[in-house]
Amino acid sequence: MTAQDAAPHPDLLRTAADTVAVVGAAGAGTAIWHVDIGPTTGLPRLCGAWVLEADRSAQITALLTGRYVLAVDGTDLESAASGAELLGTVEPARIVDEVTAEIDRLQEAFDAEGRKLVAPVWPPVPAPPADAAAAAGAAPQGADPDAAATLGTARWLRAIAEAWAKVESARLARPFLRVHGGAEARSLPLTTLP
């Protein structure tokens, strides 16, 4: 076996980086939802869910290591992610700001083109849940009440990732907008917290 054989495949690394772990409290344990924020693949964006007791720290660490993490409002992430090597933590309001700013930049680039073209129709950017109670209210009826806020936040992240995919589709459909971000669809933009 060569060193190259032992190295993770680049697609595997991209997939891990494009999967955000939404973390919240679930009774005495931790609820985790993995959400794919990468370019559209045809697979579900909600791609894994776990509710683990606090004594399952090794599994919790494994599910969070190498990922961006979004903590549900009121979650003690330091305690939940103890020992995990995170890519970074993200905040819903910053994601909304990044997506909105990029739509504004793309609209400005379209307007600057100056030709009579059909304007892109940008999707609405969904607002994040205001707090854990609002996130729990966004979960489907019958969801585990202890994990409902985590599921509701994960569903919001899925919705904004799908809106972003529509932004990317509109950008890539216009060759003159491809210079603003490249010729390939981009993942949902994330700004990590300091």
N, C-alpha and C. Protein backbone atom coordinates (compact mmCIF):
# COMPACT_ATOMS: atom_id res chain seq x y z
N MET A 1 0.85 -1.18 0.00
CA MET A 1 0.00 0.00 0.00
C MET A 1 0.90 1.24 0.00
N THR A 2 0.63 2.15 -0.90
CA THR A 2 1.39 3.39 -0.96
C THR A 2 0.73 4.46 -0.11
N ALA A 3 1.48 5.54 0.12
CA ALA A 3 0.92 6.66 0.88
C ALA A 3 -0.29 7.24 0.17
N GLN A 4 -0.24 7.23 -1.17
CA GLN A 4 -1.36 7.77 -1.93
C GLN A 4 -2.62 6.92 -1.72
N ASP A 5 -2.43 5.59 -1.61
CA ASP A 5 -3.58 4.72 -1.37
C ASP A 5 -4.22 4.98 -0.01
N ALA A 6 -3.40 5.37 0.97
CA ALA A 6 -3.90 5.61 2.32
C ALA A 6 -4.55 6.97 2.48
N ALA A 7 -4.24 7.92 1.59
CA ALA A 7 -4.80 9.27 1.69
C ALA A 7 -6.28 9.25 1.33
N PRO A 8 -7.09 10.05 2.04
CA PRO A 8 -8.51 10.12 1.70
C PRO A 8 -8.71 10.68 0.29
N HIS A 9 -9.69 10.18 -0.39
CA HIS A 9 -10.02 10.64 -1.75
C HIS A 9 -10.47 12.10 -1.66
N PRO A 10 -10.09 12.96 -2.63
CA PRO A 10 -10.49 14.38 -2.58
C PRO A 10 -12.00 14.58 -2.50
N ASP A 11 -12.78 13.72 -3.16
CA ASP A 11 -14.23 13.86 -3.08
C ASP A 11 -14.74 13.60 -1.67
N LEU A 12 -14.08 12.68 -0.96
CA LEU A 12 -14.46 12.39 0.41
C LEU A 12 -14.17 13.60 1.30
N LEU A 13 -13.03 14.23 1.09
CA LEU A 13 -12.69 15.43 1.86
C LEU A 13 -13.66 16.56 1.58
N ARG A 14 -14.04 16.75 0.30
CA ARG A 14 -15.00 17.79 -0.06
C ARG A 14 -16.35 17.50 0.58
N THR A 15 -16.76 16.25 0.53
CA THR A 15 -18.05 15.89 1.10
C THR A 15 -18.08 16.16 2.60
N ALA A 16 -16.99 15.83 3.30
CA ALA A 16 -16.93 16.10 4.74
C ALA A 16 -16.99 17.60 5.00
N ALA A 17 -16.25 18.38 4.22
CA ALA A 17 -16.25 19.83 4.42
C ALA A 17 -17.59 20.45 4.04
N ASP A 18 -18.34 19.81 3.16
CA ASP A 18 -19.64 20.32 2.73
C ASP A 18 -20.79 19.76 3.57
N THR A 19 -20.48 19.13 4.68
CA THR A 19 -21.50 18.61 5.57
C THR A 19 -21.38 19.34 6.90
N VAL A 20 -22.40 20.11 7.23
CA VAL A 20 -22.44 20.84 8.49
C VAL A 20 -23.16 19.98 9.52
N ALA A 21 -22.58 19.91 10.72
CA ALA A 21 -23.22 19.20 11.82
C ALA A 21 -24.02 20.22 12.64
N VAL A 22 -25.33 20.07 12.65
CA VAL A 22 -26.20 20.90 13.49
C VAL A 22 -26.31 20.18 14.83
N VAL A 23 -25.95 20.88 15.90
CA VAL A 23 -25.85 20.25 17.22
C VAL A 23 -26.78 20.95 18.20
N GLY A 24 -27.52 20.16 18.95
CA GLY A 24 -28.39 20.72 19.98
C GLY A 24 -28.54 19.75 21.14
N ALA A 25 -29.06 20.27 22.22
CA ALA A 25 -29.32 19.44 23.38
C ALA A 25 -30.53 18.55 23.10
N ALA A 26 -30.49 17.35 23.65
CA ALA A 26 -31.62 16.42 23.53
C ALA A 26 -31.79 15.76 24.89
N GLY A 27 -32.57 16.38 25.74
CA GLY A 27 -32.69 15.88 27.11
C GLY A 27 -31.33 15.98 27.78
N ALA A 28 -30.83 14.85 28.29
CA ALA A 28 -29.52 14.83 28.92
C ALA A 28 -28.41 14.54 27.91
N GLY A 29 -28.78 14.37 26.65
CA GLY A 29 -27.79 14.01 25.62
C GLY A 29 -27.63 15.08 24.57
N THR A 30 -27.22 14.65 23.40
CA THR A 30 -26.93 15.55 22.29
C THR A 30 -27.61 15.04 21.03
N ALA A 31 -28.23 15.96 20.29
CA ALA A 31 -28.82 15.63 18.99
C ALA A 31 -27.93 16.23 17.91
N ILE A 32 -27.68 15.46 16.86
CA ILE A 32 -26.82 15.91 15.75
C ILE A 32 -27.52 15.57 14.44
N TRP A 33 -27.61 16.57 13.57
CA TRP A 33 -28.09 16.36 12.20
C TRP A 33 -26.98 16.77 11.27
N HIS A 34 -26.63 15.92 10.30
CA HIS A 34 -25.69 16.30 9.25
C HIS A 34 -26.50 16.84 8.08
N VAL A 35 -26.07 18.00 7.55
CA VAL A 35 -26.75 18.64 6.44
C VAL A 35 -25.73 18.92 5.34
N ASP A 36 -25.99 18.41 4.14
CA ASP A 36 -25.11 18.62 2.99
C ASP A 36 -25.39 20.01 2.42
N ILE A 37 -24.37 20.87 2.40
CA ILE A 37 -24.53 22.22 1.87
C ILE A 37 -23.78 22.40 0.55
N GLY A 38 -23.31 21.30 -0.02
CA GLY A 38 -22.54 21.36 -1.26
C GLY A 38 -23.44 21.53 -2.47
N PRO A 39 -22.81 21.54 -3.66
CA PRO A 39 -23.60 21.62 -4.89
C PRO A 39 -24.61 20.47 -4.95
N THR A 40 -25.70 20.71 -5.64
CA THR A 40 -26.77 19.73 -5.75
C THR A 40 -26.25 18.43 -6.36
N THR A 41 -26.57 17.32 -5.69
CA THR A 41 -26.16 16.00 -6.18
C THR A 41 -27.35 15.11 -6.49
N GLY A 42 -28.53 15.54 -6.09
CA GLY A 42 -29.71 14.70 -6.24
C GLY A 42 -29.98 13.86 -5.01
N LEU A 43 -29.05 13.84 -4.08
CA LEU A 43 -29.23 13.11 -2.83
C LEU A 43 -29.85 14.04 -1.79
N PRO A 44 -30.47 13.49 -0.76
CA PRO A 44 -31.06 14.35 0.28
C PRO A 44 -30.01 15.19 0.99
N ARG A 45 -30.37 16.40 1.33
CA ARG A 45 -29.45 17.28 2.07
C ARG A 45 -29.39 16.90 3.54
N LEU A 46 -30.50 16.46 4.11
CA LEU A 46 -30.48 15.95 5.48
C LEU A 46 -29.94 14.53 5.39
N CYS A 47 -28.69 14.36 5.79
CA CYS A 47 -28.01 13.10 5.47
C CYS A 47 -27.55 12.30 6.68
N GLY A 48 -28.10 12.55 7.82
CA GLY A 48 -27.77 11.73 8.99
C GLY A 48 -28.30 12.37 10.24
N ALA A 49 -28.80 11.57 11.16
CA ALA A 49 -29.35 12.09 12.42
C ALA A 49 -29.04 11.13 13.54
N TRP A 50 -28.63 11.70 14.67
CA TRP A 50 -28.31 10.91 15.85
C TRP A 50 -28.79 11.62 17.10
N VAL A 51 -29.28 10.87 18.06
CA VAL A 51 -29.55 11.37 19.40
C VAL A 51 -28.76 10.46 20.32
N LEU A 52 -27.74 11.04 20.95
CA LEU A 52 -26.81 10.25 21.75
C LEU A 52 -26.77 10.73 23.19
N GLU A 53 -26.70 9.79 24.10
CA GLU A 53 -26.56 10.13 25.51
C GLU A 53 -25.18 10.71 25.75
N ALA A 54 -25.04 11.46 26.83
CA ALA A 54 -23.77 12.14 27.14
C ALA A 54 -22.61 11.16 27.27
N ASP A 55 -22.88 9.92 27.68
CA ASP A 55 -21.79 8.95 27.85
C ASP A 55 -21.29 8.39 26.51
N ARG A 56 -21.84 8.85 25.41
CA ARG A 56 -21.40 8.41 24.07
C ARG A 56 -20.47 9.45 23.46
N SER A 57 -19.59 10.01 24.26
CA SER A 57 -18.74 11.12 23.82
C SER A 57 -17.84 10.74 22.65
N ALA A 58 -17.38 9.51 22.56
CA ALA A 58 -16.53 9.10 21.43
C ALA A 58 -17.30 9.19 20.11
N GLN A 59 -18.56 8.76 20.13
CA GLN A 59 -19.37 8.84 18.91
C GLN A 59 -19.68 10.30 18.56
N ILE A 60 -19.97 11.10 19.58
CA ILE A 60 -20.25 12.52 19.34
C ILE A 60 -19.03 13.19 18.73
N THR A 61 -17.86 12.91 19.29
CA THR A 61 -16.61 13.47 18.76
C THR A 61 -16.41 13.05 17.31
N ALA A 62 -16.64 11.78 17.00
CA ALA A 62 -16.46 11.29 15.63
C ALA A 62 -17.42 11.97 14.65
N LEU A 63 -18.64 12.26 15.09
CA LEU A 63 -19.63 12.88 14.21
C LEU A 63 -19.36 14.37 13.98
N LEU A 64 -18.57 15.00 14.85
CA LEU A 64 -18.30 16.43 14.73
C LEU A 64 -16.92 16.73 14.16
N THR A 65 -15.96 15.84 14.36
CA THR A 65 -14.59 16.08 13.91
C THR A 65 -14.54 16.24 12.39
N GLY A 66 -13.81 17.27 11.96
CA GLY A 66 -13.63 17.52 10.53
C GLY A 66 -14.82 18.15 9.86
N ARG A 67 -15.72 18.74 10.65
CA ARG A 67 -16.92 19.36 10.10
C ARG A 67 -17.09 20.77 10.64
N TYR A 68 -17.84 21.57 9.88
CA TYR A 68 -18.34 22.83 10.41
C TYR A 68 -19.51 22.48 11.31
N VAL A 69 -19.69 23.26 12.36
CA VAL A 69 -20.76 22.98 13.32
C VAL A 69 -21.61 24.22 13.50
N LEU A 70 -22.92 24.01 13.50
CA LEU A 70 -23.89 25.06 13.79
C LEU A 70 -24.62 24.62 15.06
N ALA A 71 -24.47 25.39 16.12
CA ALA A 71 -25.11 25.05 17.39
C ALA A 71 -26.49 25.67 17.47
N VAL A 72 -27.46 24.88 17.86
CA VAL A 72 -28.82 25.38 18.10
C VAL A 72 -28.75 26.38 19.23
N ASP A 73 -29.56 27.43 19.11
CA ASP A 73 -29.60 28.48 20.14
C ASP A 73 -29.70 27.86 21.54
N GLY A 74 -28.79 28.29 22.41
CA GLY A 74 -28.81 27.83 23.79
C GLY A 74 -28.01 26.55 24.04
N THR A 75 -27.38 25.99 23.01
CA THR A 75 -26.61 24.76 23.17
C THR A 75 -25.21 25.08 23.67
N ASP A 76 -24.75 24.33 24.65
CA ASP A 76 -23.39 24.46 25.17
C ASP A 76 -22.47 23.67 24.24
N LEU A 77 -22.02 24.32 23.17
CA LEU A 77 -21.21 23.64 22.17
C LEU A 77 -19.87 23.20 22.73
N GLU A 78 -19.30 24.00 23.61
CA GLU A 78 -18.00 23.64 24.19
C GLU A 78 -18.09 22.28 24.89
N SER A 79 -19.16 22.06 25.59
CA SER A 79 -19.34 20.79 26.28
C SER A 79 -19.69 19.68 25.28
N ALA A 80 -20.60 19.96 24.35
CA ALA A 80 -21.04 18.94 23.40
C ALA A 80 -19.92 18.51 22.47
N ALA A 81 -19.06 19.46 22.06
CA ALA A 81 -18.01 19.17 21.08
C ALA A 81 -16.66 18.92 21.73
N SER A 82 -16.65 18.68 23.03
CA SER A 82 -15.40 18.47 23.75
C SER A 82 -14.57 17.37 23.08
N GLY A 83 -13.35 17.71 22.69
CA GLY A 83 -12.45 16.74 22.07
C GLY A 83 -12.55 16.67 20.56
N ALA A 84 -13.57 17.26 19.96
CA ALA A 84 -13.72 17.21 18.50
C ALA A 84 -12.86 18.30 17.85
N GLU A 85 -12.22 17.96 16.75
CA GLU A 85 -11.45 18.93 15.96
C GLU A 85 -12.36 19.45 14.85
N LEU A 86 -12.96 20.61 15.10
CA LEU A 86 -13.93 21.19 14.18
C LEU A 86 -13.24 21.98 13.08
N LEU A 87 -13.87 22.02 11.89
CA LEU A 87 -13.39 22.93 10.85
C LEU A 87 -13.70 24.36 11.25
N GLY A 88 -14.74 24.55 12.03
CA GLY A 88 -15.14 25.87 12.50
C GLY A 88 -16.59 25.83 12.93
N THR A 89 -17.01 26.92 13.58
CA THR A 89 -18.41 27.04 13.96
C THR A 89 -19.03 28.15 13.12
N VAL A 90 -20.28 27.96 12.78
CA VAL A 90 -20.99 28.93 11.95
C VAL A 90 -22.24 29.39 12.67
N GLU A 91 -22.73 30.53 12.23
CA GLU A 91 -23.91 31.14 12.84
C GLU A 91 -24.93 31.42 11.74
N PRO A 92 -26.21 31.10 11.98
CA PRO A 92 -27.22 31.30 10.95
C PRO A 92 -27.27 32.71 10.37
N ALA A 93 -27.19 33.74 11.21
CA ALA A 93 -27.28 35.12 10.70
C ALA A 93 -26.14 35.42 9.74
N ARG A 94 -24.97 34.89 10.00
CA ARG A 94 -23.83 35.13 9.10
C ARG A 94 -24.01 34.42 7.76
N ILE A 95 -24.64 33.24 7.79
CA ILE A 95 -24.92 32.54 6.54
C ILE A 95 -25.88 33.37 5.69
N VAL A 96 -26.94 33.87 6.32
CA VAL A 96 -27.90 34.72 5.61
C VAL A 96 -27.20 35.95 5.04
N ASP A 97 -26.33 36.58 5.83
CA ASP A 97 -25.60 37.76 5.35
C ASP A 97 -24.73 37.43 4.14
N GLU A 98 -24.04 36.29 4.17
CA GLU A 98 -23.17 35.89 3.05
C GLU A 98 -23.99 35.65 1.78
N VAL A 99 -25.09 34.93 1.91
CA VAL A 99 -25.92 34.62 0.74
C VAL A 99 -26.52 35.90 0.18
N THR A 100 -27.05 36.75 1.04
CA THR A 100 -27.65 38.01 0.60
C THR A 100 -26.62 38.90 -0.08
N ALA A 101 -25.43 39.00 0.49
CA ALA A 101 -24.37 39.82 -0.10
C ALA A 101 -23.96 39.29 -1.47
N GLU A 102 -23.88 37.98 -1.61
CA GLU A 102 -23.49 37.40 -2.91
C GLU A 102 -24.58 37.63 -3.95
N ILE A 103 -25.84 37.52 -3.57
CA ILE A 103 -26.93 37.82 -4.51
C ILE A 103 -26.82 39.28 -4.95
N ASP A 104 -26.56 40.19 -4.01
CA ASP A 104 -26.40 41.61 -4.36
C ASP A 104 -25.24 41.81 -5.33
N ARG A 105 -24.10 41.13 -5.08
CA ARG A 105 -22.94 41.25 -5.99
C ARG A 105 -23.26 40.73 -7.38
N LEU A 106 -23.95 39.60 -7.44
CA LEU A 106 -24.31 39.04 -8.74
C LEU A 106 -25.31 39.93 -9.48
N GLN A 107 -26.26 40.52 -8.76
CA GLN A 107 -27.20 41.43 -9.39
C GLN A 107 -26.48 42.66 -9.94
N GLU A 108 -25.53 43.19 -9.17
CA GLU A 108 -24.72 44.33 -9.64
C GLU A 108 -23.94 43.96 -10.90
N ALA A 109 -23.38 42.76 -10.92
CA ALA A 109 -22.62 42.31 -12.11
C ALA A 109 -23.57 42.16 -13.30
N PHE A 110 -24.77 41.66 -13.05
CA PHE A 110 -25.75 41.54 -14.13
C PHE A 110 -26.12 42.93 -14.66
N ASP A 111 -26.40 43.86 -13.75
CA ASP A 111 -26.78 45.22 -14.15
C ASP A 111 -25.65 45.90 -14.92
N ALA A 112 -24.41 45.65 -14.53
CA ALA A 112 -23.26 46.26 -15.20
C ALA A 112 -23.05 45.72 -16.60
N GLU A 113 -23.60 44.56 -16.90
CA GLU A 113 -23.42 43.97 -18.23
C GLU A 113 -24.03 44.87 -19.30
N GLY A 114 -25.11 45.57 -18.95
CA GLY A 114 -25.66 46.59 -19.83
C GLY A 114 -26.42 46.09 -21.04
N ARG A 115 -26.54 44.80 -21.22
CA ARG A 115 -27.29 44.28 -22.37
C ARG A 115 -28.73 44.01 -21.95
N LYS A 116 -29.60 43.98 -22.94
CA LYS A 116 -31.01 43.65 -22.70
C LYS A 116 -31.13 42.13 -22.57
N LEU A 117 -31.06 41.67 -21.35
CA LEU A 117 -31.14 40.24 -21.07
C LEU A 117 -32.24 40.00 -20.04
N VAL A 118 -32.71 38.78 -19.98
CA VAL A 118 -33.70 38.42 -18.98
C VAL A 118 -32.99 38.39 -17.63
N ALA A 119 -33.49 39.18 -16.71
CA ALA A 119 -32.87 39.28 -15.38
C ALA A 119 -33.07 37.98 -14.60
N PRO A 120 -32.07 37.62 -13.81
CA PRO A 120 -32.24 36.44 -12.97
C PRO A 120 -33.31 36.68 -11.91
N VAL A 121 -34.00 35.63 -11.56
CA VAL A 121 -34.95 35.69 -10.46
C VAL A 121 -34.27 34.99 -9.28
N TRP A 122 -33.83 35.80 -8.35
CA TRP A 122 -33.12 35.25 -7.20
C TRP A 122 -34.14 34.69 -6.20
N PRO A 123 -33.84 33.56 -5.59
CA PRO A 123 -34.78 32.99 -4.63
C PRO A 123 -34.81 33.79 -3.34
N PRO A 124 -35.90 33.72 -2.60
CA PRO A 124 -35.91 34.36 -1.28
C PRO A 124 -34.94 33.62 -0.36
N VAL A 125 -34.30 34.38 0.52
CA VAL A 125 -33.36 33.80 1.47
C VAL A 125 -34.11 33.56 2.77
N PRO A 126 -34.27 32.29 3.18
CA PRO A 126 -35.05 32.03 4.39
C PRO A 126 -34.35 32.53 5.64
N ALA A 127 -35.12 33.15 6.52
CA ALA A 127 -34.59 33.63 7.79
C ALA A 127 -34.40 32.45 8.73
N PRO A 128 -33.35 32.50 9.54
CA PRO A 128 -33.14 31.40 10.49
C PRO A 128 -34.16 31.46 11.62
N PRO A 129 -34.35 30.35 12.31
CA PRO A 129 -35.24 30.38 13.48
C PRO A 129 -34.72 31.41 14.50
N ALA A 130 -35.61 32.14 15.10
CA ALA A 130 -35.23 33.20 16.05
C ALA A 130 -34.58 32.64 17.31
N ASP A 131 -35.01 31.46 17.74
CA ASP A 131 -34.47 30.85 18.94
C ASP A 131 -34.81 29.36 18.92
N ALA A 132 -34.42 28.66 19.96
CA ALA A 132 -34.64 27.21 20.01
C ALA A 132 -36.12 26.86 19.96
N ALA A 133 -36.97 27.67 20.59
CA ALA A 133 -38.41 27.39 20.57
C ALA A 133 -38.96 27.51 19.15
N ALA A 134 -38.51 28.53 18.42
CA ALA A 134 -38.95 28.69 17.02
C ALA A 134 -38.42 27.54 16.18
N ALA A 135 -37.19 27.12 16.43
CA ALA A 135 -36.63 25.99 15.68
C ALA A 135 -37.42 24.72 15.96
N ALA A 136 -37.80 24.51 17.21
CA ALA A 136 -38.59 23.33 17.55
C ALA A 136 -39.94 23.37 16.86
N GLY A 137 -40.50 24.57 16.73
CA GLY A 137 -41.78 24.73 16.04
C GLY A 137 -41.70 24.44 14.56
N ALA A 138 -40.48 24.50 13.98
CA ALA A 138 -40.29 24.22 12.56
C ALA A 138 -40.13 22.73 12.28
N ALA A 139 -39.99 21.94 13.33
CA ALA A 139 -39.87 20.49 13.16
C ALA A 139 -41.25 19.91 12.84
N PRO A 140 -41.29 18.80 12.13
CA PRO A 140 -42.59 18.21 11.81
C PRO A 140 -43.29 17.68 13.05
N GLN A 141 -44.60 17.64 12.97
CA GLN A 141 -45.39 17.12 14.08
C GLN A 141 -44.98 15.68 14.33
N GLY A 142 -44.84 15.33 15.59
CA GLY A 142 -44.45 13.98 15.95
C GLY A 142 -42.95 13.80 16.12
N ALA A 143 -42.17 14.86 15.84
CA ALA A 143 -40.72 14.76 16.02
C ALA A 143 -40.40 14.60 17.50
N ASP A 144 -39.30 13.93 17.79
CA ASP A 144 -38.84 13.78 19.18
C ASP A 144 -38.75 15.16 19.80
N PRO A 145 -39.50 15.45 20.86
CA PRO A 145 -39.49 16.80 21.43
C PRO A 145 -38.11 17.23 21.92
N ASP A 146 -37.30 16.28 22.39
CA ASP A 146 -35.97 16.63 22.85
C ASP A 146 -35.05 17.05 21.71
N ALA A 147 -35.30 16.54 20.51
CA ALA A 147 -34.44 16.83 19.37
C ALA A 147 -35.10 17.77 18.37
N ALA A 148 -36.29 18.28 18.66
CA ALA A 148 -37.06 19.08 17.70
C ALA A 148 -36.33 20.36 17.29
N ALA A 149 -35.69 21.05 18.23
CA ALA A 149 -34.99 22.29 17.88
C ALA A 149 -33.83 22.01 16.93
N THR A 150 -33.15 20.89 17.13
CA THR A 150 -32.05 20.52 16.24
C THR A 150 -32.58 20.21 14.85
N LEU A 151 -33.66 19.46 14.77
CA LEU A 151 -34.26 19.14 13.48
C LEU A 151 -34.77 20.40 12.80
N GLY A 152 -35.43 21.28 13.53
CA GLY A 152 -35.93 22.53 12.93
C GLY A 152 -34.80 23.38 12.37
N THR A 153 -33.69 23.46 13.09
CA THR A 153 -32.53 24.23 12.61
C THR A 153 -31.92 23.55 11.39
N ALA A 154 -31.85 22.23 11.41
CA ALA A 154 -31.31 21.49 10.25
C ALA A 154 -32.20 21.70 9.02
N ARG A 155 -33.49 21.74 9.22
CA ARG A 155 -34.41 21.98 8.09
C ARG A 155 -34.22 23.39 7.53
N TRP A 156 -33.96 24.38 8.41
CA TRP A 156 -33.66 25.73 7.91
C TRP A 156 -32.37 25.72 7.10
N LEU A 157 -31.34 25.04 7.59
CA LEU A 157 -30.07 24.98 6.86
C LEU A 157 -30.26 24.32 5.50
N ARG A 158 -31.07 23.27 5.46
CA ARG A 158 -31.39 22.63 4.18
C ARG A 158 -32.07 23.64 3.25
N ALA A 159 -33.01 24.42 3.76
CA ALA A 159 -33.75 25.38 2.94
C ALA A 159 -32.83 26.44 2.36
N ILE A 160 -31.89 26.94 3.16
CA ILE A 160 -31.00 27.98 2.64
C ILE A 160 -29.98 27.37 1.68
N ALA A 161 -29.59 26.11 1.89
CA ALA A 161 -28.69 25.44 0.94
C ALA A 161 -29.40 25.23 -0.40
N GLU A 162 -30.69 24.93 -0.36
CA GLU A 162 -31.45 24.77 -1.60
C GLU A 162 -31.64 26.12 -2.30
N ALA A 163 -31.86 27.18 -1.53
CA ALA A 163 -31.94 28.52 -2.13
C ALA A 163 -30.62 28.88 -2.79
N TRP A 164 -29.51 28.57 -2.11
CA TRP A 164 -28.18 28.84 -2.67
C TRP A 164 -27.97 28.07 -3.98
N ALA A 165 -28.43 26.83 -4.04
CA ALA A 165 -28.30 26.04 -5.26
C ALA A 165 -29.03 26.73 -6.42
N LYS A 166 -30.15 27.37 -6.13
CA LYS A 166 -30.87 28.12 -7.17
C LYS A 166 -30.09 29.36 -7.60
N VAL A 167 -29.44 30.02 -6.65
CA VAL A 167 -28.58 31.16 -6.98
C VAL A 167 -27.47 30.70 -7.92
N GLU A 168 -26.84 29.59 -7.58
CA GLU A 168 -25.75 29.07 -8.40
C GLU A 168 -26.24 28.65 -9.78
N SER A 169 -27.43 28.08 -9.87
CA SER A 169 -27.98 27.69 -11.15
C SER A 169 -28.20 28.93 -12.03
N ALA A 170 -28.74 30.01 -11.45
CA ALA A 170 -28.95 31.25 -12.20
C ALA A 170 -27.62 31.87 -12.61
N ARG A 171 -26.62 31.79 -11.74
CA ARG A 171 -25.30 32.35 -12.07
C ARG A 171 -24.65 31.57 -13.20
N LEU A 172 -24.68 30.27 -13.13
CA LEU A 172 -24.02 29.44 -14.14
C LEU A 172 -24.75 29.47 -15.48
N ALA A 173 -26.03 29.82 -15.48
CA ALA A 173 -26.79 29.91 -16.73
C ALA A 173 -26.40 31.13 -17.56
N ARG A 174 -25.64 32.04 -16.96
CA ARG A 174 -25.23 33.27 -17.64
C ARG A 174 -23.71 33.30 -17.72
N PRO A 175 -23.15 33.03 -18.91
CA PRO A 175 -21.68 32.94 -19.03
C PRO A 175 -20.93 34.14 -18.45
N PHE A 176 -21.48 35.34 -18.56
CA PHE A 176 -20.77 36.52 -18.06
C PHE A 176 -20.78 36.58 -16.53
N LEU A 177 -21.62 35.79 -15.86
CA LEU A 177 -21.60 35.75 -14.40
C LEU A 177 -20.68 34.65 -13.87
N ARG A 178 -20.23 33.76 -14.76
CA ARG A 178 -19.34 32.68 -14.31
C ARG A 178 -18.00 33.20 -13.83
N VAL A 179 -17.61 34.38 -14.28
CA VAL A 179 -16.34 34.95 -13.80
C VAL A 179 -16.45 35.35 -12.33
N HIS A 180 -17.66 35.42 -11.83
CA HIS A 180 -17.90 35.74 -10.42
C HIS A 180 -18.13 34.44 -9.65
N GLY A 181 -17.08 33.70 -9.43
CA GLY A 181 -17.20 32.47 -8.65
C GLY A 181 -16.79 31.20 -9.37
N GLY A 182 -16.51 31.28 -10.65
CA GLY A 182 -16.03 30.09 -11.36
C GLY A 182 -17.09 29.39 -12.17
N ALA A 183 -16.64 28.38 -12.91
CA ALA A 183 -17.50 27.66 -13.83
C ALA A 183 -18.20 26.47 -13.19
N GLU A 184 -17.93 26.20 -11.92
CA GLU A 184 -18.57 25.09 -11.21
C GLU A 184 -19.47 25.64 -10.11
N ALA A 185 -20.50 24.89 -9.79
CA ALA A 185 -21.39 25.27 -8.70
C ALA A 185 -20.61 25.28 -7.38
N ARG A 186 -20.88 26.29 -6.57
CA ARG A 186 -20.18 26.44 -5.29
C ARG A 186 -21.07 25.95 -4.14
N SER A 187 -20.41 25.60 -3.06
CA SER A 187 -21.11 25.23 -1.83
C SER A 187 -21.66 26.48 -1.16
N LEU A 188 -22.64 26.29 -0.30
CA LEU A 188 -23.18 27.39 0.49
C LEU A 188 -22.04 28.11 1.21
N PRO A 189 -21.95 29.43 1.07
CA PRO A 189 -20.84 30.14 1.73
C PRO A 189 -21.01 30.18 3.25
N LEU A 190 -19.91 29.92 3.92
CA LEU A 190 -19.90 29.91 5.38
C LEU A 190 -18.79 30.84 5.88
N THR A 191 -19.10 31.65 6.85
CA THR A 191 -18.10 32.45 7.54
C THR A 191 -18.02 31.87 8.94
N THR A 192 -16.84 31.43 9.34
CA THR A 192 -16.71 30.84 10.66
C THR A 192 -16.58 31.93 11.72
N LEU A 193 -17.03 31.57 12.91
CA LEU A 193 -16.93 32.49 14.03
C LEU A 193 -15.48 32.53 14.53
N PRO A 194 -15.05 33.68 15.06
CA PRO A 194 -13.67 33.74 15.56
C PRO A 194 -13.50 32.85 16.79
